[in-house]
C-alpha atoms as a PDB file:
ATOM      1  CA  MET A   1     112.381-122.662 160.216  1.00  0.00           C
ATOM      2  CA  LYS A   2     115.336-120.363 159.816  1.00  0.00           C
ATOM      3  CA  PHE A   3     115.654-117.014 161.585  1.00  0.00           C
ATOM      4  CA  LEU A   4     116.627-114.104 159.373  1.00  0.00           C
ATOM      5  CA  TRP A   5     116.933-110.364 159.946  1.00  0.00           C
ATOM      6  CA  GLY A   6     117.174-107.636 157.378  1.00  0.00           C
ATOM      7  CA  ASP A   7     115.698-104.488 155.916  1.00  0.00           C
ATOM      8  CA  ILE A   8     111.961-104.402 155.432  1.00  0.00           C
ATOM      9  CA  PRO A   9     111.049-103.303 151.896  1.00  0.00           C
ATOM     10  CA  ARG A  10     107.773-101.696 150.688  1.00  0.00           C
ATOM     11  CA  LYS A  11     104.472-103.368 149.452  1.00  0.00           C
ATOM     12  CA  CYS A  12     102.571-106.534 150.237  1.00  0.00           C
ATOM     13  CA  LEU A  13     100.343-109.025 148.409  1.00  0.00           C
ATOM     14  CA  ILE A  14      97.395-110.614 150.184  1.00  0.00           C
ATOM     15  CA  LEU A  15      96.884-114.280 149.307  1.00  0.00           C
ATOM     16  CA  ILE A  16      95.013-116.504 151.776  1.00  0.00           C
ATOM     17  CA  LYS A  17      94.914-120.311 151.813  1.00  0.00           C
ATOM     18  CA  LEU A  18      92.576-122.032 154.260  1.00  0.00           C
ATOM     19  CA  LYS A  19      93.419-125.332 155.939  1.00  0.00           C
ATOM     20  CA  LYS A  20      90.834-127.789 157.294  1.00  0.00           C
ATOM     21  CA  ASN A  21      91.356-126.793 160.969  1.00  0.00           C
ATOM     22  CA  VAL A  22      91.105-123.066 160.188  1.00  0.00           C
ATOM     23  CA  THR A  23      88.001-120.870 160.333  1.00  0.00           C
ATOM     24  CA  GLN A  24      87.906-117.436 158.687  1.00  0.00           C
ATOM     25  CA  MET A  25      86.449-114.798 161.033  1.00  0.00           C
ATOM     26  CA  LYS A  26      86.915-111.419 159.325  1.00  0.00           C
ATOM     27  CA  ARG A  27      89.035-110.357 156.380  1.00  0.00           C
ATOM     28  CA  ASN A  28      92.534-111.755 156.985  1.00  0.00           C
ATOM     29  CA  GLN A  29      91.549-112.965 160.481  1.00  0.00           C
ATOM     30  CA  TYR A  30      91.290-116.650 161.300  1.00  0.00           C
ATOM     31  CA  GLN A  31      91.017-119.135 164.134  1.00  0.00           C
ATOM     32  CA  MET A  32      92.957-122.381 164.180  1.00  0.00           C
ATOM     33  CA  ARG A  33      91.899-125.268 166.392  1.00  0.00           C
ATOM     34  CA  ILE A  34      94.862-126.601 168.348  1.00  0.00           C
ATOM     35  CA  GLY A  35      93.815-129.396 170.690  1.00  0.00           C
ATOM     36  CA  ASN A  36      90.808-128.106 172.635  1.00  0.00           C
ATOM     37  CA  TYR A  37      91.571-124.448 171.972  1.00  0.00           C
ATOM     38  CA  GLU A  38      90.897-121.886 169.235  1.00  0.00           C
ATOM     39  CA  LEU A  39      93.896-119.656 168.549  1.00  0.00           C
ATOM     40  CA  SER A  40      93.016-116.441 166.710  1.00  0.00           C
ATOM     41  CA  TYR A  41      95.430-114.847 164.265  1.00  0.00           C
ATOM     42  CA  GLN A  42      95.656-112.263 161.523  1.00  0.00           C
ATOM     43  CA  ILE A  43      97.724-112.909 158.431  1.00  0.00           C
ATOM     44  CA  ARG A  44      98.660-110.829 155.408  1.00  0.00           C
ATOM     45  CA  ARG A  45     100.441-113.086 152.966  1.00  0.00           C
ATOM     46  CA  GLY A  46     103.363-111.816 150.969  1.00  0.00           C
ATOM     47  CA  GLY A  47     106.385-114.071 150.648  1.00  0.00           C
ATOM     48  CA  GLU A  48     108.206-116.874 152.370  1.00  0.00           C
ATOM     49  CA  HIS A  49     109.704-114.492 154.954  1.00  0.00           C
ATOM     50  CA  TYR A  50     107.276-114.248 157.902  1.00  0.00           C
ATOM     51  CA  ILE A  51     107.186-111.496 160.495  1.00  0.00           C
ATOM     52  CA  LEU A  52     105.479-112.821 163.627  1.00  0.00           C
ATOM     53  CA  PHE A  53     104.043-110.143 165.932  1.00  0.00           C
ATOM     54  CA  LEU A  54     103.550-111.192 169.577  1.00  0.00           C
ATOM     55  CA  HIS A  55     101.532-108.849 171.808  1.00  0.00           C
ATOM     56  CA  GLY A  56     102.100-108.110 175.507  1.00  0.00           C
ATOM     57  CA  LEU A  57      99.839-108.745 178.477  1.00  0.00           C
ATOM     58  CA  GLY A  58      96.458-107.058 178.266  1.00  0.00           C
ATOM     59  CA  CYS A  59      96.835-106.536 174.507  1.00  0.00           C
ATOM     60  CA  SER A  60      95.741-108.380 171.377  1.00  0.00           C
ATOM     61  CA  LYS A  61      96.792-108.902 167.775  1.00  0.00           C
ATOM     62  CA  GLU A  62      95.140-105.549 166.958  1.00  0.00           C
ATOM     63  CA  THR A  63      98.122-103.899 168.696  1.00  0.00           C
ATOM     64  CA  PHE A  64      99.949-104.396 165.389  1.00  0.00           C
ATOM     65  CA  GLN A  65      97.151-103.254 163.046  1.00  0.00           C
ATOM     66  CA  GLU A  66      99.215-100.294 161.856  1.00  0.00           C
ATOM     67  CA  ALA A  67     101.821-102.689 160.420  1.00  0.00           C
ATOM     68  CA  PHE A  68      99.074-104.615 158.583  1.00  0.00           C
ATOM     69  CA  ASP A  69      97.640-101.388 157.167  1.00  0.00           C
ATOM     70  CA  SER A  70     101.056-100.122 156.083  1.00  0.00           C
ATOM     71  CA  ALA A  71     102.338-100.291 152.521  1.00  0.00           C
ATOM     72  CA  TYR A  72     105.876-100.533 153.949  1.00  0.00           C
ATOM     73  CA  PHE A  73     106.105-104.308 153.658  1.00  0.00           C
ATOM     74  CA  SER A  74     106.741-105.959 150.302  1.00  0.00           C
ATOM     75  CA  GLU A  75     105.773-109.194 148.601  1.00  0.00           C
ATOM     76  CA  LYS A  76     108.774-110.722 150.379  1.00  0.00           C
ATOM     77  CA  TYR A  77     107.069-110.610 153.818  1.00  0.00           C
ATOM     78  CA  THR A  78     104.037-112.378 155.265  1.00  0.00           C
ATOM     79  CA  LEU A  79     102.728-110.619 158.378  1.00  0.00           C
ATOM     80  CA  LEU A  80     101.319-112.747 161.201  1.00  0.00           C
ATOM     81  CA  ALA A  81      99.868-111.536 164.517  1.00  0.00           C
ATOM     82  CA  ILE A  82      98.500-113.982 167.067  1.00  0.00           C
ATOM     83  CA  ASP A  83      96.144-113.549 170.015  1.00  0.00           C
ATOM     84  CA  PHE A  84      97.587-115.510 172.912  1.00  0.00           C
ATOM     85  CA  LEU A  85      95.105-117.817 174.610  1.00  0.00           C
ATOM     86  CA  GLY A  86      92.982-115.714 176.977  1.00  0.00           C
ATOM     87  CA  HIS A  87      93.413-112.586 174.834  1.00  0.00           C
ATOM     88  CA  GLY A  88      91.498-111.013 171.966  1.00  0.00           C
ATOM     89  CA  ASP A  89      89.480-113.496 169.915  1.00  0.00           C
ATOM     90  CA  SER A  90      91.306-116.643 171.122  1.00  0.00           C
ATOM     91  CA  SER A  91      89.738-119.128 173.554  1.00  0.00           C
ATOM     92  CA  LYS A  92      89.650-118.194 177.222  1.00  0.00           C
ATOM     93  CA  PRO A  93      89.596-121.579 178.984  1.00  0.00           C
ATOM     94  CA  ASP A  94      89.428-121.889 182.775  1.00  0.00           C
ATOM     95  CA  ASN A  95      91.584-125.020 182.738  1.00  0.00           C
ATOM     96  CA  PHE A  96      94.671-123.440 181.106  1.00  0.00           C
ATOM     97  CA  SER A  97      97.640-122.252 183.203  1.00  0.00           C
ATOM     98  CA  TYR A  98      98.452-119.272 180.910  1.00  0.00           C
ATOM     99  CA  LYS A  99     102.170-119.814 181.562  1.00  0.00           C
ATOM    100  CA  LEU A 100     104.471-118.491 178.858  1.00  0.00           C
ATOM    101  CA  GLU A 101     105.780-122.022 178.197  1.00  0.00           C
ATOM    102  CA  GLU A 102     102.273-123.307 177.435  1.00  0.00           C
ATOM    103  CA  GLN A 103     101.486-120.249 175.298  1.00  0.00           C
ATOM    104  CA  SER A 104     104.687-120.842 173.317  1.00  0.00           C
ATOM    105  CA  ASP A 105     103.685-124.491 172.725  1.00  0.00           C
ATOM    106  CA  LEU A 106     100.448-123.295 171.098  1.00  0.00           C
ATOM    107  CA  ILE A 107     102.292-120.709 168.996  1.00  0.00           C
ATOM    108  CA  PHE A 108     104.715-123.422 167.890  1.00  0.00           C
ATOM    109  CA  GLU A 109     101.788-125.664 166.829  1.00  0.00           C
ATOM    110  CA  LEU A 110     100.244-122.828 164.821  1.00  0.00           C
ATOM    111  CA  LEU A 111     103.591-122.152 163.125  1.00  0.00           C
ATOM    112  CA  GLN A 112     103.953-125.855 162.330  1.00  0.00           C
ATOM    113  CA  ASN A 113     100.617-125.648 160.490  1.00  0.00           C
ATOM    114  CA  LEU A 114     101.500-122.449 158.620  1.00  0.00           C
ATOM    115  CA  ASN A 115     105.029-123.757 157.901  1.00  0.00           C
ATOM    116  CA  PRO A 116     107.001-120.532 157.371  1.00  0.00           C
ATOM    117  CA  LYS A 117     110.369-120.973 155.681  1.00  0.00           C
ATOM    118  CA  TYR A 118     111.906-117.933 157.421  1.00  0.00           C
ATOM    119  CA  LEU A 119     110.657-116.358 160.643  1.00  0.00           C
ATOM    120  CA  ASN A 120     111.326-112.937 162.175  1.00  0.00           C
ATOM    121  CA  ILE A 121     109.803-112.153 165.563  1.00  0.00           C
ATOM    122  CA  VAL A 122     108.597-108.781 166.840  1.00  0.00           C
ATOM    123  CA  ALA A 123     107.457-108.861 170.478  1.00  0.00           C
ATOM    124  CA  HIS A 124     105.661-106.258 172.592  1.00  0.00           C
ATOM    125  CA  ARG A 125     105.990-106.410 176.343  1.00  0.00           C
END
């Protein structure tokens, strides 16, 4: 993965490919099994440049719904918002520490499965 920053153009295509460890929940919303956990995410496919939206505490991937509804992004960008474990539609296990390091390990696994070529990160605190 290569990190890249730049202007965000206008328009987006929606093309969804399902993998064997992925379950579709609602339109453009999926759950991926990673180990014993289900990680929920929303994706709007465009191009090889991903924009990953990470929500803050007490929030969910829906925090970024306005970006997904916007026509501002072009075919160049794939939008991805993830529910951290314990938030939104992701698993809420009792035996998970919920430390940022463990959350980031799960996010990394999900990204390994989606395999973005370029990744931009937008984080909400």
